[in-house]
Full PDB file with SEQRES, HELIX, SHEET, SSBOND, CRYST1, ORIGX, SCALE, CONECT and MASTER records, all heavy atoms in Angstrom:
SEQRES   1 A   33  LEU ASP THR ASP ASN ASN PRO VAL TYR ASN ASN ALA ILE          
SEQRES   2 A   33  TYR LEU GLN LEU LEU LEU LYS GLY LEU GLY ASN VAL ALA          
SEQRES   3 A   33  GLY SER SER PRO ALA ILE ILE                                  
CRYST1    1.000    1.000    1.000  90.00  90.00  90.00 P 1           1          
ORIGX1      1.000000  0.000000  0.000000        0.00000                         
ORIGX2      0.000000  1.000000  0.000000        0.00000                         
ORIGX3      0.000000  0.000000  1.000000        0.00000                         
SCALE1      1.000000  0.000000  0.000000        0.00000                         
SCALE2      0.000000  1.000000  0.000000        0.00000                         
SCALE3      0.000000  0.000000  1.000000        0.00000                         
ATOM      1  N   LEU A   1      10.398 124.722 116.600  1.00  0.00           N  
ATOM      2  CA  LEU A   1       9.601 125.326 117.783  1.00  0.00           C  
ATOM      3  C   LEU A   1       8.245 125.824 117.274  1.00  0.00           C  
ATOM      4  O   LEU A   1       8.220 126.357 116.182  1.00  0.00           O  
ATOM      5  CB  LEU A   1      10.380 126.441 118.515  1.00  0.00           C  
ATOM      6  CG  LEU A   1      11.646 126.072 119.193  1.00  0.00           C  
ATOM      7  CD1 LEU A   1      12.368 127.373 119.625  1.00  0.00           C  
ATOM      8  CD2 LEU A   1      11.431 125.127 120.296  1.00  0.00           C  
ATOM      9  N   ASP A   2       7.213 125.537 118.026  1.00  0.00           N  
ATOM     10  CA  ASP A   2       5.886 126.089 117.661  1.00  0.00           C  
ATOM     11  C   ASP A   2       5.757 127.569 118.154  1.00  0.00           C  
ATOM     12  O   ASP A   2       6.783 128.127 118.573  1.00  0.00           O  
ATOM     13  CB  ASP A   2       4.696 125.200 118.225  1.00  0.00           C  
ATOM     14  CG  ASP A   2       4.716 125.258 119.790  1.00  0.00           C  
ATOM     15  OD1 ASP A   2       5.393 126.093 120.453  1.00  0.00           O  
ATOM     16  OD2 ASP A   2       3.910 124.423 120.395  1.00  0.00           O  
ATOM     17  N   THR A   3       4.621 128.085 118.002  1.00  0.00           N  
ATOM     18  CA  THR A   3       4.416 129.537 118.300  1.00  0.00           C  
ATOM     19  C   THR A   3       4.634 129.944 119.799  1.00  0.00           C  
ATOM     20  O   THR A   3       4.907 131.066 120.065  1.00  0.00           O  
ATOM     21  CB  THR A   3       3.013 130.086 117.791  1.00  0.00           C  
ATOM     22  OG1 THR A   3       2.035 129.210 118.402  1.00  0.00           O  
ATOM     23  CG2 THR A   3       2.864 129.879 116.285  1.00  0.00           C  
ATOM     24  N   ASP A   4       4.511 128.919 120.612  1.00  0.00           N  
ATOM     25  CA  ASP A   4       4.695 129.121 122.042  1.00  0.00           C  
ATOM     26  C   ASP A   4       6.045 128.755 122.516  1.00  0.00           C  
ATOM     27  O   ASP A   4       6.328 128.625 123.693  1.00  0.00           O  
ATOM     28  CB  ASP A   4       3.609 128.370 122.875  1.00  0.00           C  
ATOM     29  CG  ASP A   4       2.220 128.797 122.596  1.00  0.00           C  
ATOM     30  OD1 ASP A   4       2.000 129.984 122.431  1.00  0.00           O  
ATOM     31  OD2 ASP A   4       1.322 127.946 122.718  1.00  0.00           O  
ATOM     32  N   ASN A   5       6.968 128.508 121.524  1.00  0.00           N  
ATOM     33  CA  ASN A   5       8.407 128.105 121.810  1.00  0.00           C  
ATOM     34  C   ASN A   5       8.495 126.720 122.449  1.00  0.00           C  
ATOM     35  O   ASN A   5       9.344 126.473 123.137  1.00  0.00           O  
ATOM     36  CB  ASN A   5       9.159 129.238 122.602  1.00  0.00           C  
ATOM     37  CG  ASN A   5       9.478 130.373 121.763  1.00  0.00           C  
ATOM     38  OD1 ASN A   5       9.687 130.267 120.527  1.00  0.00           O  
ATOM     39  ND2 ASN A   5       9.617 131.470 122.387  1.00  0.00           N  
ATOM     40  N   ASN A   6       7.540 125.882 122.160  1.00  0.00           N  
ATOM     41  CA  ASN A   6       7.655 124.451 122.624  1.00  0.00           C  
ATOM     42  C   ASN A   6       8.191 123.645 121.465  1.00  0.00           C  
ATOM     43  O   ASN A   6       7.822 123.944 120.312  1.00  0.00           O  
ATOM     44  CB  ASN A   6       6.287 123.951 123.019  1.00  0.00           C  
ATOM     45  CG  ASN A   6       5.672 124.634 124.200  1.00  0.00           C  
ATOM     46  OD1 ASN A   6       6.327 124.921 125.251  1.00  0.00           O  
ATOM     47  ND2 ASN A   6       4.337 124.989 124.075  1.00  0.00           N  
ATOM     48  N   PRO A   7       9.012 122.686 121.754  1.00  0.00           N  
ATOM     49  CA  PRO A   7       9.543 121.874 120.667  1.00  0.00           C  
ATOM     50  C   PRO A   7       8.557 120.988 120.009  1.00  0.00           C  
ATOM     51  O   PRO A   7       7.635 120.502 120.612  1.00  0.00           O  
ATOM     52  CB  PRO A   7      10.569 120.993 121.376  1.00  0.00           C  
ATOM     53  CG  PRO A   7      10.251 120.964 122.891  1.00  0.00           C  
ATOM     54  CD  PRO A   7       9.506 122.278 123.018  1.00  0.00           C  
ATOM     55  N   VAL A   8       8.707 120.803 118.638  1.00  0.00           N  
ATOM     56  CA  VAL A   8       7.908 119.949 117.838  1.00  0.00           C  
ATOM     57  C   VAL A   8       8.861 118.805 117.407  1.00  0.00           C  
ATOM     58  O   VAL A   8       9.948 119.081 116.881  1.00  0.00           O  
ATOM     59  CB  VAL A   8       7.267 120.733 116.674  1.00  0.00           C  
ATOM     60  CG1 VAL A   8       6.550 119.817 115.724  1.00  0.00           C  
ATOM     61  CG2 VAL A   8       6.462 121.829 117.131  1.00  0.00           C  
ATOM     62  N   TYR A   9       8.299 117.606 117.452  1.00  0.00           N  
ATOM     63  CA  TYR A   9       9.177 116.420 117.044  1.00  0.00           C  
ATOM     64  C   TYR A   9       8.559 115.628 115.972  1.00  0.00           C  
ATOM     65  O   TYR A   9       7.349 115.669 115.777  1.00  0.00           O  
ATOM     66  CB  TYR A   9       9.296 115.582 118.355  1.00  0.00           C  
ATOM     67  CG  TYR A   9      10.028 116.217 119.499  1.00  0.00           C  
ATOM     68  CD1 TYR A   9       9.169 116.703 120.509  1.00  0.00           C  
ATOM     69  CD2 TYR A   9      11.376 116.257 119.598  1.00  0.00           C  
ATOM     70  CE1 TYR A   9       9.822 117.302 121.568  1.00  0.00           C  
ATOM     71  CE2 TYR A   9      11.991 116.837 120.638  1.00  0.00           C  
ATOM     72  CZ  TYR A   9      11.281 117.299 121.673  1.00  0.00           C  
ATOM     73  OH  TYR A   9      11.820 117.968 122.740  1.00  0.00           O  
ATOM     74  N   ASN A  10       9.380 114.965 115.297  1.00  0.00           N  
ATOM     75  CA  ASN A  10       9.009 113.916 114.265  1.00  0.00           C  
ATOM     76  C   ASN A  10       9.174 112.545 115.000  1.00  0.00           C  
ATOM     77  O   ASN A  10      10.285 112.292 115.526  1.00  0.00           O  
ATOM     78  CB  ASN A  10       9.850 113.960 113.104  1.00  0.00           C  
ATOM     79  CG  ASN A  10       9.555 115.149 112.209  1.00  0.00           C  
ATOM     80  OD1 ASN A  10       8.450 115.642 112.118  1.00  0.00           O  
ATOM     81  ND2 ASN A  10      10.572 115.700 111.618  1.00  0.00           N  
ATOM     82  N   ASN A  11       8.162 111.792 114.998  1.00  0.00           N  
ATOM     83  CA  ASN A  11       8.214 110.428 115.626  1.00  0.00           C  
ATOM     84  C   ASN A  11       8.639 109.476 114.630  1.00  0.00           C  
ATOM     85  O   ASN A  11       8.294 109.542 113.423  1.00  0.00           O  
ATOM     86  CB  ASN A  11       6.861 110.015 116.175  1.00  0.00           C  
ATOM     87  CG  ASN A  11       6.307 110.892 117.283  1.00  0.00           C  
ATOM     88  OD1 ASN A  11       7.145 111.355 118.019  1.00  0.00           O  
ATOM     89  ND2 ASN A  11       5.080 111.214 117.290  1.00  0.00           N  
ATOM     90  N   ALA A  12       9.366 108.417 114.972  1.00  0.00           N  
ATOM     91  CA  ALA A  12       9.890 107.368 114.034  1.00  0.00           C  
ATOM     92  C   ALA A  12       9.835 106.047 114.678  1.00  0.00           C  
ATOM     93  O   ALA A  12      10.181 105.902 115.935  1.00  0.00           O  
ATOM     94  CB  ALA A  12      11.247 107.723 113.630  1.00  0.00           C  
ATOM     95  N   ILE A  13       9.347 105.037 113.912  1.00  0.00           N  
ATOM     96  CA  ILE A  13       9.479 103.615 114.381  1.00  0.00           C  
ATOM     97  C   ILE A  13      10.004 102.918 113.170  1.00  0.00           C  
ATOM     98  O   ILE A  13       9.594 103.131 112.075  1.00  0.00           O  
ATOM     99  CB  ILE A  13       8.032 103.020 114.743  1.00  0.00           C  
ATOM    100  CG1 ILE A  13       7.490 103.698 115.937  1.00  0.00           C  
ATOM    101  CG2 ILE A  13       8.225 101.556 114.950  1.00  0.00           C  
ATOM    102  CD1 ILE A  13       6.059 103.254 116.306  1.00  0.00           C  
ATOM    103  N   TYR A  14      10.995 102.077 113.465  1.00  0.00           N  
ATOM    104  CA  TYR A  14      11.742 101.410 112.382  1.00  0.00           C  
ATOM    105  C   TYR A  14      11.869  99.929 112.809  1.00  0.00           C  
ATOM    106  O   TYR A  14      12.340  99.585 113.901  1.00  0.00           O  
ATOM    107  CB  TYR A  14      13.178 102.029 112.287  1.00  0.00           C  
ATOM    108  CG  TYR A  14      14.032 101.465 111.253  1.00  0.00           C  
ATOM    109  CD1 TYR A  14      13.954 102.098 109.912  1.00  0.00           C  
ATOM    110  CD2 TYR A  14      14.928 100.494 111.461  1.00  0.00           C  
ATOM    111  CE1 TYR A  14      14.792 101.505 108.905  1.00  0.00           C  
ATOM    112  CE2 TYR A  14      15.688  99.973 110.495  1.00  0.00           C  
ATOM    113  CZ  TYR A  14      15.618 100.542 109.246  1.00  0.00           C  
ATOM    114  OH  TYR A  14      16.484 100.010 108.109  1.00  0.00           O  
ATOM    115  N   LEU A  15      11.412  99.044 111.844  1.00  0.00           N  
ATOM    116  CA  LEU A  15      11.565  97.627 112.019  1.00  0.00           C  
ATOM    117  C   LEU A  15      12.332  97.070 110.858  1.00  0.00           C  
ATOM    118  O   LEU A  15      12.039  97.346 109.736  1.00  0.00           O  
ATOM    119  CB  LEU A  15      10.128  96.956 112.074  1.00  0.00           C  
ATOM    120  CG  LEU A  15      10.187  95.470 112.171  1.00  0.00           C  
ATOM    121  CD1 LEU A  15      10.899  94.972 113.539  1.00  0.00           C  
ATOM    122  CD2 LEU A  15       8.838  94.887 112.039  1.00  0.00           C  
ATOM    123  N   GLN A  16      13.408  96.303 111.137  1.00  0.00           N  
ATOM    124  CA  GLN A  16      14.196  95.732 110.097  1.00  0.00           C  
ATOM    125  C   GLN A  16      14.365  94.288 110.321  1.00  0.00           C  
ATOM    126  O   GLN A  16      14.690  93.835 111.372  1.00  0.00           O  
ATOM    127  CB  GLN A  16      15.626  96.418 110.093  1.00  0.00           C  
ATOM    128  CG  GLN A  16      16.553  95.916 109.103  1.00  0.00           C  
ATOM    129  CD  GLN A  16      17.940  96.515 109.192  1.00  0.00           C  
ATOM    130  OE1 GLN A  16      18.253  97.016 110.244  1.00  0.00           O  
ATOM    131  NE2 GLN A  16      18.622  96.496 108.103  1.00  0.00           N  
ATOM    132  N   LEU A  17      14.144  93.501 109.126  1.00  0.00           N  
ATOM    133  CA  LEU A  17      14.400  92.094 109.227  1.00  0.00           C  
ATOM    134  C   LEU A  17      15.507  91.843 108.234  1.00  0.00           C  
ATOM    135  O   LEU A  17      15.278  92.253 107.014  1.00  0.00           O  
ATOM    136  CB  LEU A  17      13.189  91.327 108.861  1.00  0.00           C  
ATOM    137  CG  LEU A  17      13.342  89.776 108.623  1.00  0.00           C  
ATOM    138  CD1 LEU A  17      13.726  89.130 109.946  1.00  0.00           C  
ATOM    139  CD2 LEU A  17      12.048  89.159 108.137  1.00  0.00           C  
ATOM    140  N   LEU A  18      16.556  91.140 108.580  1.00  0.00           N  
ATOM    141  CA  LEU A  18      17.706  90.999 107.705  1.00  0.00           C  
ATOM    142  C   LEU A  18      17.847  89.404 107.527  1.00  0.00           C  
ATOM    143  O   LEU A  18      17.927  88.678 108.537  1.00  0.00           O  
ATOM    144  CB  LEU A  18      18.945  91.464 108.233  1.00  0.00           C  
ATOM    145  CG  LEU A  18      20.245  91.255 107.495  1.00  0.00           C  
ATOM    146  CD1 LEU A  18      20.214  92.133 106.283  1.00  0.00           C  
ATOM    147  CD2 LEU A  18      21.398  91.708 108.325  1.00  0.00           C  
ATOM    148  N   LEU A  19      17.783  88.933 106.314  1.00  0.00           N  
ATOM    149  CA  LEU A  19      17.993  87.540 105.953  1.00  0.00           C  
ATOM    150  C   LEU A  19      19.472  87.507 105.413  1.00  0.00           C  
ATOM    151  O   LEU A  19      19.784  87.933 104.317  1.00  0.00           O  
ATOM    152  CB  LEU A  19      17.078  87.005 104.994  1.00  0.00           C  
ATOM    153  CG  LEU A  19      15.551  87.158 105.429  1.00  0.00           C  
ATOM    154  CD1 LEU A  19      14.635  86.677 104.264  1.00  0.00           C  
ATOM    155  CD2 LEU A  19      15.389  86.310 106.595  1.00  0.00           C  
ATOM    156  N   LYS A  20      20.339  86.920 106.254  1.00  0.00           N  
ATOM    157  CA  LYS A  20      21.818  86.954 105.941  1.00  0.00           C  
ATOM    158  C   LYS A  20      22.105  86.039 104.712  1.00  0.00           C  
ATOM    159  O   LYS A  20      21.487  85.020 104.450  1.00  0.00           O  
ATOM    160  CB  LYS A  20      22.636  86.442 107.132  1.00  0.00           C  
ATOM    161  CG  LYS A  20      22.531  87.463 108.207  1.00  0.00           C  
ATOM    162  CD  LYS A  20      23.282  86.945 109.481  1.00  0.00           C  
ATOM    163  CE  LYS A  20      23.188  87.910 110.584  1.00  0.00           C  
ATOM    164  NZ  LYS A  20      24.028  87.470 111.671  1.00  0.00           N  
ATOM    165  N   GLY A  21      23.080  86.545 103.918  1.00  0.00           N  
ATOM    166  CA  GLY A  21      23.463  85.756 102.698  1.00  0.00           C  
ATOM    167  C   GLY A  21      22.685  86.077 101.437  1.00  0.00           C  
ATOM    168  O   GLY A  21      23.027  85.578 100.466  1.00  0.00           O  
ATOM    169  N   LEU A  22      21.788  87.027 101.504  1.00  0.00           N  
ATOM    170  CA  LEU A  22      21.009  87.354 100.288  1.00  0.00           C  
ATOM    171  C   LEU A  22      21.491  88.665  99.703  1.00  0.00           C  
ATOM    172  O   LEU A  22      20.921  89.239  98.728  1.00  0.00           O  
ATOM    173  CB  LEU A  22      19.490  87.605 100.695  1.00  0.00           C  
ATOM    174  CG  LEU A  22      18.832  86.293 101.121  1.00  0.00           C  
ATOM    175  CD1 LEU A  22      17.373  86.496 101.428  1.00  0.00           C  
ATOM    176  CD2 LEU A  22      18.869  85.170  99.985  1.00  0.00           C  
ATOM    177  N   GLY A  23      22.534  89.203 100.243  1.00  0.00           N  
ATOM    178  CA  GLY A  23      23.135  90.431  99.713  1.00  0.00           C  
ATOM    179  C   GLY A  23      22.549  91.722 100.343  1.00  0.00           C  
ATOM    180  O   GLY A  23      21.719  91.620 101.169  1.00  0.00           O  
ATOM    181  N   ASN A  24      23.038  92.859  99.914  1.00  0.00           N  
ATOM    182  CA  ASN A  24      22.738  94.098 100.548  1.00  0.00           C  
ATOM    183  C   ASN A  24      22.715  95.163  99.527  1.00  0.00           C  
ATOM    184  O   ASN A  24      23.693  95.408  98.818  1.00  0.00           O  
ATOM    185  CB  ASN A  24      23.780  94.366 101.710  1.00  0.00           C  
ATOM    186  CG  ASN A  24      23.335  95.521 102.566  1.00  0.00           C  
ATOM    187  OD1 ASN A  24      22.241  96.065 102.403  1.00  0.00           O  
ATOM    188  ND2 ASN A  24      24.186  95.889 103.489  1.00  0.00           N  
ATOM    189  N   VAL A  25      21.629  95.896  99.416  1.00  0.00           N  
ATOM    190  CA  VAL A  25      21.478  96.984  98.459  1.00  0.00           C  
ATOM    191  C   VAL A  25      21.985  98.266  99.053  1.00  0.00           C  
ATOM    192  O   VAL A  25      22.720  99.033  98.422  1.00  0.00           O  
ATOM    193  CB  VAL A  25      20.013  97.146  97.963  1.00  0.00           C  
ATOM    194  CG1 VAL A  25      19.888  98.337  97.148  1.00  0.00           C  
ATOM    195  CG2 VAL A  25      19.579  95.956  97.297  1.00  0.00           C  
ATOM    196  N   ALA A  26      21.690  98.497 100.244  1.00  0.00           N  
ATOM    197  CA  ALA A  26      22.257  99.773 100.972  1.00  0.00           C  
ATOM    198  C   ALA A  26      22.824  99.319 102.316  1.00  0.00           C  
ATOM    199  O   ALA A  26      22.855  98.184 102.666  1.00  0.00           O  
ATOM    200  CB  ALA A  26      20.943 100.678 101.175  1.00  0.00           C  
ATOM    201  N   GLY A  27      23.236 100.268 103.119  1.00  0.00           N  
ATOM    202  CA  GLY A  27      23.787  99.969 104.392  1.00  0.00           C  
ATOM    203  C   GLY A  27      22.639  99.311 105.267  1.00  0.00           C  
ATOM    204  O   GLY A  27      21.451  99.587 105.128  1.00  0.00           O  
ATOM    205  N   SER A  28      23.081  98.519 106.157  1.00  0.00           N  
ATOM    206  CA  SER A  28      22.074  97.754 106.913  1.00  0.00           C  
ATOM    207  C   SER A  28      21.524  98.579 108.101  1.00  0.00           C  
ATOM    208  O   SER A  28      20.555  98.226 108.688  1.00  0.00           O  
ATOM    209  CB  SER A  28      22.677  96.519 107.418  1.00  0.00           C  
ATOM    210  OG  SER A  28      23.792  96.634 108.266  1.00  0.00           O  
ATOM    211  N   SER A  29      22.195  99.634 108.512  1.00  0.00           N  
ATOM    212  CA  SER A  29      21.734 100.515 109.579  1.00  0.00           C  
ATOM    213  C   SER A  29      20.905 101.699 109.185  1.00  0.00           C  
ATOM    214  O   SER A  29      21.348 102.322 108.195  1.00  0.00           O  
ATOM    215  CB  SER A  29      22.932 100.991 110.482  1.00  0.00           C  
ATOM    216  OG  SER A  29      23.495  99.989 111.196  1.00  0.00           O  
ATOM    217  N   PRO A  30      19.762 101.953 109.775  1.00  0.00           N  
ATOM    218  CA  PRO A  30      19.084 103.160 109.443  1.00  0.00           C  
ATOM    219  C   PRO A  30      19.887 104.420 109.877  1.00  0.00           C  
ATOM    220  O   PRO A  30      20.661 104.367 110.792  1.00  0.00           O  
ATOM    221  CB  PRO A  30      17.723 103.061 110.251  1.00  0.00           C  
ATOM    222  CG  PRO A  30      18.034 102.165 111.351  1.00  0.00           C  
ATOM    223  CD  PRO A  30      19.151 101.169 110.859  1.00  0.00           C  
ATOM    224  N   ALA A  31      19.706 105.509 109.125  1.00  0.00           N  
ATOM    225  CA  ALA A  31      20.541 106.653 109.345  1.00  0.00           C  
ATOM    226  C   ALA A  31      20.274 107.217 110.767  1.00  0.00           C  
ATOM    227  O   ALA A  31      21.152 107.811 111.393  1.00  0.00           O  
ATOM    228  CB  ALA A  31      20.170 107.778 108.374  1.00  0.00           C  
ATOM    229  N   ILE A  32      19.079 107.022 111.337  1.00  0.00           N  
ATOM    230  CA  ILE A  32      18.829 107.500 112.638  1.00  0.00           C  
ATOM    231  C   ILE A  32      19.811 106.950 113.698  1.00  0.00           C  
ATOM    232  O   ILE A  32      20.265 107.602 114.586  1.00  0.00           O  
ATOM    233  CB  ILE A  32      17.310 107.305 113.181  1.00  0.00           C  
ATOM    234  CG1 ILE A  32      17.106 108.111 114.415  1.00  0.00           C  
ATOM    235  CG2 ILE A  32      16.990 105.850 113.211  1.00  0.00           C  
ATOM    236  CD1 ILE A  32      15.634 108.065 114.789  1.00  0.00           C  
ATOM    237  N   ILE A  33      20.126 105.661 113.565  1.00  0.00           N  
ATOM    238  CA  ILE A  33      21.054 105.044 114.466  1.00  0.00           C  
ATOM    239  C   ILE A  33      22.478 105.594 114.281  1.00  0.00           C  
ATOM    240  O   ILE A  33      23.121 105.936 115.277  1.00  0.00           O  
ATOM    241  CB  ILE A  33      21.079 103.489 114.314  1.00  0.00           C  
ATOM    242  CG1 ILE A  33      19.751 102.924 114.604  1.00  0.00           C  
ATOM    243  CG2 ILE A  33      22.219 102.964 115.241  1.00  0.00           C  
ATOM    244  CD1 ILE A  33      19.666 101.420 114.355  1.00  0.00           C  
TER     245      ILE A  33                                                      
MASTER        0    0    0    0    0    0    0    6  244    1    0    3          
END                                                                             
């Protein structure tokens, strides 16, 4: 909350391209989902 008690947010944009069959280092879903 800011000094006037209004909420403050973090904005996020996430773009994911997955080429199947090449393996996976981490989970395929972002944590926000």
